[in-house]
Amino acid sequence: MYMYLSHWHLKSKPFENTPDPGFFYFSPEHEEAYIRFKYGIAENKGAMLLTGNYGCGKTTLIRLLVSELDPDHNQVAILTHLHGGVEDLLTAILMEFGEEVMTGNTNALERKIGERLLHNFNADTSTLLIIDEAQLISDDAVIEEIRLLLNFQLNDRFLINILLAGQPELRDRVDSFPQFEQRIFCRYHLHALDRQETESYINHRIAVAGSSARIFNSQALDLIFHHSQGIPRKINNICDLSLLFGASRNIDEIGADIINLVCR
């Protein structure tokens, strides 16, 4: 197996499919989403909705937003692949807050969450609940319970911010609950990158990884966009293998032949 970092003069691998905020690329859409959600969280606006196709950068955006929060004045609970009913939701939230859960009674769990939120407020700490892959929630009662959590509020602010993130179908799921939909402060849908954004994305990640070189030529970039359809996760897979194959052949620039080899 070839180690390609030294060949391409890189300090780190630029195309890992992990949600590393340090590699976040601000396309116009990603920047717009970032601005909206950062404001919503900072100003305690309550409920927010982020959707996008698989691999478009939702989780990385979330990680970036969380990484910029002052841990001394923010408590964050992140739930993923949430299954089960209302008691499972409330229990999971409390466990993320570091609370001991002694009962599965819904009223008691809600009361304990309320106490935690009020404690945080009195300690000058904002509370953020993030539910990723929220389209997997199958129980209508769980959606309703998430809405009811927004009732923890003062006259001028919510005691909890809730960010739901998921696949496009999550929008329809939320819209089917009018009382909840009306309480969404902001929503944003991330699309795939276009051809120029794909090139900028690739060059940005290479630069973050430590190189100013233009490793992929124009023909290679055209093919990467064609095969990936502008989806960052697919771009990463193609580029990572391309760097590996290019290094193994000791070439200085990746062209169409390497991309065709990777994508065949």
Protein backbone atom coordinates (compact mmCIF):
# COMPACT_ATOMS: atom_id res chain seq x y z
CA MET A 1 0.00 0.00 0.00
CA TYR A 2 1.37 3.39 -0.99
CA MET A 3 1.49 6.26 1.48
CA TYR A 4 0.86 9.31 -0.66
CA LEU A 5 1.36 12.23 1.73
CA SER A 6 5.05 12.73 1.05
CA HIS A 7 4.58 12.31 -2.70
CA TRP A 8 2.05 15.14 -2.88
CA HIS A 9 3.78 17.22 -0.15
CA LEU A 10 0.78 17.05 2.15
CA LYS A 11 0.75 17.27 5.94
CA SER A 12 -2.51 15.35 6.30
CA LYS A 13 -4.96 13.42 4.15
CA PRO A 14 -7.28 15.99 2.54
CA PHE A 15 -10.20 13.77 1.59
CA GLU A 16 -11.14 11.81 4.67
CA ASN A 17 -14.89 11.22 5.01
CA THR A 18 -15.03 12.32 8.62
CA PRO A 19 -16.84 15.50 9.76
CA ASP A 20 -13.68 17.49 10.52
CA PRO A 21 -14.64 21.19 10.92
CA GLY A 22 -11.11 22.19 9.95
CA PHE A 23 -11.77 21.09 6.37
CA PHE A 24 -15.17 22.73 6.07
CA TYR A 25 -15.69 24.38 2.68
CA PHE A 26 -17.89 27.47 2.52
CA SER A 27 -19.78 27.18 -0.72
CA PRO A 28 -22.36 29.98 -1.08
CA GLU A 29 -25.07 27.63 0.22
CA HIS A 30 -22.98 26.31 3.10
CA GLU A 31 -22.07 29.85 4.10
CA GLU A 32 -25.72 30.93 4.03
CA ALA A 33 -26.71 27.96 6.18
CA TYR A 34 -23.84 28.65 8.57
CA ILE A 35 -24.89 32.28 9.03
CA ARG A 36 -28.53 31.39 9.66
CA PHE A 37 -27.90 28.63 12.18
CA LYS A 38 -25.10 30.42 13.98
CA TYR A 39 -27.44 33.37 14.52
CA GLY A 40 -30.32 31.13 15.60
CA ILE A 41 -28.16 29.36 18.16
CA ALA A 42 -26.49 32.53 19.46
CA GLU A 43 -29.79 34.34 19.91
CA ASN A 44 -31.71 31.38 21.37
CA LYS A 45 -34.33 31.32 18.63
CA GLY A 46 -35.65 27.82 19.37
CA ALA A 47 -36.21 25.32 16.57
CA MET A 48 -34.15 25.06 13.36
CA LEU A 49 -34.20 22.62 10.45
CA LEU A 50 -31.27 21.57 8.25
CA THR A 51 -31.82 19.18 5.36
CA GLY A 52 -29.83 17.93 2.41
CA ASN A 53 -29.03 14.84 0.41
CA TYR A 54 -26.74 12.20 1.84
CA GLY A 55 -23.11 13.33 1.83
CA CYS A 56 -23.73 17.05 1.29
CA GLY A 57 -21.98 18.21 4.46
CA LYS A 58 -24.76 18.53 7.04
CA THR A 59 -22.88 16.77 9.82
CA THR A 60 -19.67 18.69 9.13
CA LEU A 61 -21.59 21.97 9.30
CA ILE A 62 -23.09 20.90 12.62
CA ARG A 63 -19.66 19.99 13.98
CA LEU A 64 -18.33 23.39 12.90
CA LEU A 65 -21.16 25.23 14.65
CA VAL A 66 -20.63 23.22 17.84
CA SER A 67 -16.84 23.66 17.75
CA GLU A 68 -17.27 27.43 17.82
CA LEU A 69 -19.43 27.44 20.94
CA ASP A 70 -17.81 28.41 24.23
CA PRO A 71 -18.02 25.22 26.34
CA ASP A 72 -18.17 27.31 29.50
CA HIS A 73 -21.44 28.90 28.40
CA ASN A 74 -23.04 26.22 26.22
CA GLN A 75 -24.23 22.68 26.84
CA VAL A 76 -24.79 20.55 23.75
CA ALA A 77 -26.60 17.23 23.44
CA ILE A 78 -26.22 15.41 20.13
CA LEU A 79 -28.51 12.50 19.29
CA THR A 80 -28.16 10.41 16.13
CA HIS A 81 -30.23 7.59 14.67
CA LEU A 82 -32.92 8.21 17.27
CA HIS A 83 -35.26 5.25 17.72
CA GLY A 84 -37.97 4.37 20.19
CA GLY A 85 -40.67 6.44 21.83
CA VAL A 86 -41.02 9.57 23.92
CA GLU A 87 -39.46 8.11 27.06
CA ASP A 88 -36.45 6.95 25.02
CA LEU A 89 -36.04 10.49 23.65
CA LEU A 90 -36.21 12.16 27.05
CA THR A 91 -33.90 9.60 28.62
CA ALA A 92 -31.35 10.05 25.84
CA ILE A 93 -31.43 13.83 26.28
CA LEU A 94 -30.86 13.61 30.02
CA MET A 95 -28.02 11.15 29.58
CA GLU A 96 -26.35 13.51 27.10
CA PHE A 97 -26.67 16.23 29.74
CA GLY A 98 -24.88 13.98 32.21
CA GLU A 99 -27.95 13.42 34.37
CA GLU A 100 -28.71 10.17 36.17
CA VAL A 101 -32.01 8.74 34.99
CA MET A 102 -33.85 6.78 37.66
CA THR A 103 -37.33 6.62 36.13
CA GLY A 104 -38.95 6.15 32.76
CA ASN A 105 -42.07 8.14 33.68
CA THR A 106 -42.62 10.81 31.01
CA ASN A 107 -43.76 13.55 33.40
CA ALA A 108 -40.80 12.97 35.69
CA LEU A 109 -38.37 13.00 32.77
CA GLU A 110 -39.84 16.24 31.42
CA ARG A 111 -39.62 17.82 34.86
CA LYS A 112 -35.96 16.79 35.18
CA ILE A 113 -35.17 18.28 31.76
CA GLY A 114 -36.91 21.50 32.80
CA GLU A 115 -34.81 21.65 35.94
CA ARG A 116 -31.63 21.17 33.92
CA LEU A 117 -32.60 23.91 31.46
CA LEU A 118 -33.39 26.35 34.27
CA HIS A 119 -30.15 25.47 36.01
CA ASN A 120 -28.24 26.17 32.79
CA PHE A 121 -29.99 29.50 32.33
CA ASN A 122 -29.17 30.59 35.89
CA ALA A 123 -25.55 29.58 35.23
CA ASP A 124 -25.46 31.75 32.08
CA THR A 125 -25.33 28.62 29.93
CA SER A 126 -27.30 28.10 26.71
CA THR A 127 -28.62 24.64 25.87
CA LEU A 128 -28.55 23.13 22.39
CA LEU A 129 -30.16 19.83 21.38
CA ILE A 130 -29.10 18.46 17.99
CA ILE A 131 -30.93 15.51 16.46
CA ASP A 132 -29.07 14.24 13.41
CA GLU A 133 -30.64 11.81 10.92
CA ALA A 134 -33.97 13.01 12.29
CA GLN A 135 -35.82 11.60 9.28
CA LEU A 136 -35.50 8.22 11.00
CA ILE A 137 -37.96 9.25 13.73
CA SER A 138 -40.97 7.05 13.06
CA ASP A 139 -43.12 7.81 16.10
CA ASP A 140 -45.36 10.87 15.68
CA ALA A 141 -45.42 11.25 19.45
CA VAL A 142 -41.66 11.87 19.44
CA ILE A 143 -42.05 14.73 16.95
CA GLU A 144 -44.77 16.20 19.15
CA GLU A 145 -42.57 15.84 22.25
CA ILE A 146 -39.74 17.70 20.50
CA ARG A 147 -42.18 20.52 19.83
CA LEU A 148 -43.30 20.51 23.45
CA LEU A 149 -39.70 20.93 24.60
CA LEU A 150 -39.88 24.41 23.09
CA ASN A 151 -42.41 25.30 25.78
CA PHE A 152 -39.46 25.61 28.14
CA GLN A 153 -39.03 29.35 27.61
CA LEU A 154 -39.01 32.74 29.26
CA ASN A 155 -40.75 35.89 28.04
CA ASP A 156 -37.84 36.84 25.81
CA ARG A 157 -36.00 33.62 24.94
CA PHE A 158 -36.19 29.86 24.63
CA LEU A 159 -34.42 27.83 27.29
CA ILE A 160 -33.45 25.26 24.66
CA ASN A 161 -32.43 25.46 21.02
CA ILE A 162 -33.29 22.43 18.89
CA LEU A 163 -31.59 21.73 15.57
CA LEU A 164 -33.08 18.92 13.49
CA ALA A 165 -30.93 17.65 10.63
CA GLY A 166 -31.67 14.96 8.08
CA GLN A 167 -32.47 13.83 4.57
CA PRO A 168 -34.87 15.79 2.31
CA GLU A 169 -37.89 13.80 3.46
CA LEU A 170 -37.50 15.37 6.90
CA ARG A 171 -38.97 18.60 5.50
CA ASP A 172 -42.24 16.87 4.62
CA ARG A 173 -42.23 15.10 7.96
CA VAL A 174 -41.99 18.39 9.85
CA ASP A 175 -44.49 20.12 7.55
CA SER A 176 -47.04 17.44 8.41
CA PHE A 177 -47.08 18.87 11.97
CA PRO A 178 -48.34 22.45 11.40
CA GLN A 179 -48.00 23.42 15.06
CA PHE A 180 -44.35 22.39 14.96
CA GLU A 181 -43.62 23.73 11.47
CA GLN A 182 -44.80 27.18 12.51
CA ARG A 183 -42.29 27.21 15.34
CA ILE A 184 -39.27 26.58 13.10
CA PHE A 185 -37.22 29.79 13.24
CA CYS A 186 -35.08 28.97 10.21
CA ARG A 187 -34.68 26.16 7.75
CA TYR A 188 -32.17 25.48 5.02
CA HIS A 189 -31.67 22.78 2.40
CA LEU A 190 -28.17 21.98 1.14
CA HIS A 191 -27.79 20.95 -2.50
CA ALA A 192 -24.86 19.30 -4.24
CA LEU A 193 -21.97 21.47 -5.45
CA ASP A 194 -21.80 22.72 -9.04
CA ARG A 195 -18.76 22.24 -11.28
CA GLN A 196 -16.91 25.37 -10.14
CA GLU A 197 -17.71 24.72 -6.49
CA THR A 198 -16.44 21.17 -6.87
CA GLU A 199 -13.09 22.47 -8.09
CA SER A 200 -12.93 25.06 -5.31
CA TYR A 201 -13.85 22.39 -2.76
CA ILE A 202 -11.03 20.10 -3.91
CA ASN A 203 -8.43 22.87 -3.96
CA HIS A 204 -9.58 24.13 -0.57
CA ARG A 205 -9.12 20.74 1.08
CA ILE A 206 -5.71 20.27 -0.51
CA ALA A 207 -4.68 23.70 0.78
CA VAL A 208 -5.89 22.89 4.31
CA ALA A 209 -3.87 19.67 4.11
CA GLY A 210 -0.73 21.68 3.44
CA SER A 211 -0.21 22.06 -0.30
CA SER A 212 -0.77 25.00 -2.65
CA ALA A 213 -0.30 22.83 -5.76
CA ARG A 214 -3.06 22.24 -8.28
CA ILE A 215 -2.88 18.44 -8.25
CA PHE A 216 -5.93 17.70 -10.43
CA ASN A 217 -6.00 19.05 -13.99
CA SER A 218 -9.12 20.42 -15.69
CA GLN A 219 -10.06 17.16 -17.40
CA ALA A 220 -9.76 15.29 -14.10
CA LEU A 221 -11.96 17.85 -12.36
CA ASP A 222 -14.60 17.53 -15.08
CA LEU A 223 -14.73 13.78 -14.55
CA ILE A 224 -14.76 14.06 -10.76
CA PHE A 225 -17.78 16.33 -10.99
CA HIS A 226 -19.46 13.99 -13.48
CA HIS A 227 -18.99 10.88 -11.36
CA SER A 228 -19.67 12.52 -7.98
CA GLN A 229 -22.59 14.71 -9.09
CA GLY A 230 -21.11 17.35 -6.79
CA ILE A 231 -21.72 15.38 -3.59
CA PRO A 232 -18.81 16.06 -1.21
CA ARG A 233 -18.68 12.52 0.17
CA LYS A 234 -18.38 11.06 -3.31
CA ILE A 235 -15.80 13.70 -4.26
CA ASN A 236 -13.73 12.67 -1.25
CA ASN A 237 -13.79 9.00 -2.20
CA ILE A 238 -12.72 9.66 -5.78
CA CYS A 239 -9.99 12.12 -4.84
CA ASP A 240 -8.56 9.98 -2.06
CA LEU A 241 -8.11 6.98 -4.34
CA SER A 242 -6.82 9.22 -7.12
CA LEU A 243 -4.06 10.55 -4.86
CA LEU A 244 -3.17 6.99 -3.93
CA PHE A 245 -3.04 5.76 -7.53
CA GLY A 246 -1.20 8.87 -8.70
CA ALA A 247 1.48 8.45 -6.04
CA SER A 248 1.87 4.77 -6.84
CA ARG A 249 2.60 5.74 -10.48
CA ASN A 250 4.94 8.55 -9.41
CA ILE A 251 3.14 11.21 -11.47
CA ASP A 252 3.09 14.93 -10.75
CA GLU A 253 -0.47 15.68 -11.87
CA ILE A 254 -3.69 13.72 -11.88
CA GLY A 255 -5.48 13.63 -15.20
CA ALA A 256 -8.47 11.92 -16.75
CA ASP A 257 -6.71 8.54 -16.98
CA ILE A 258 -6.41 8.25 -13.19
CA ILE A 259 -10.03 9.30 -12.61
CA ASN A 260 -11.24 6.78 -15.18
CA LEU A 261 -9.20 4.12 -13.42
CA VAL A 262 -10.69 5.02 -10.04
CA CYS A 263 -14.28 5.21 -11.31
CA ARG A 264 -14.38 2.25 -13.63
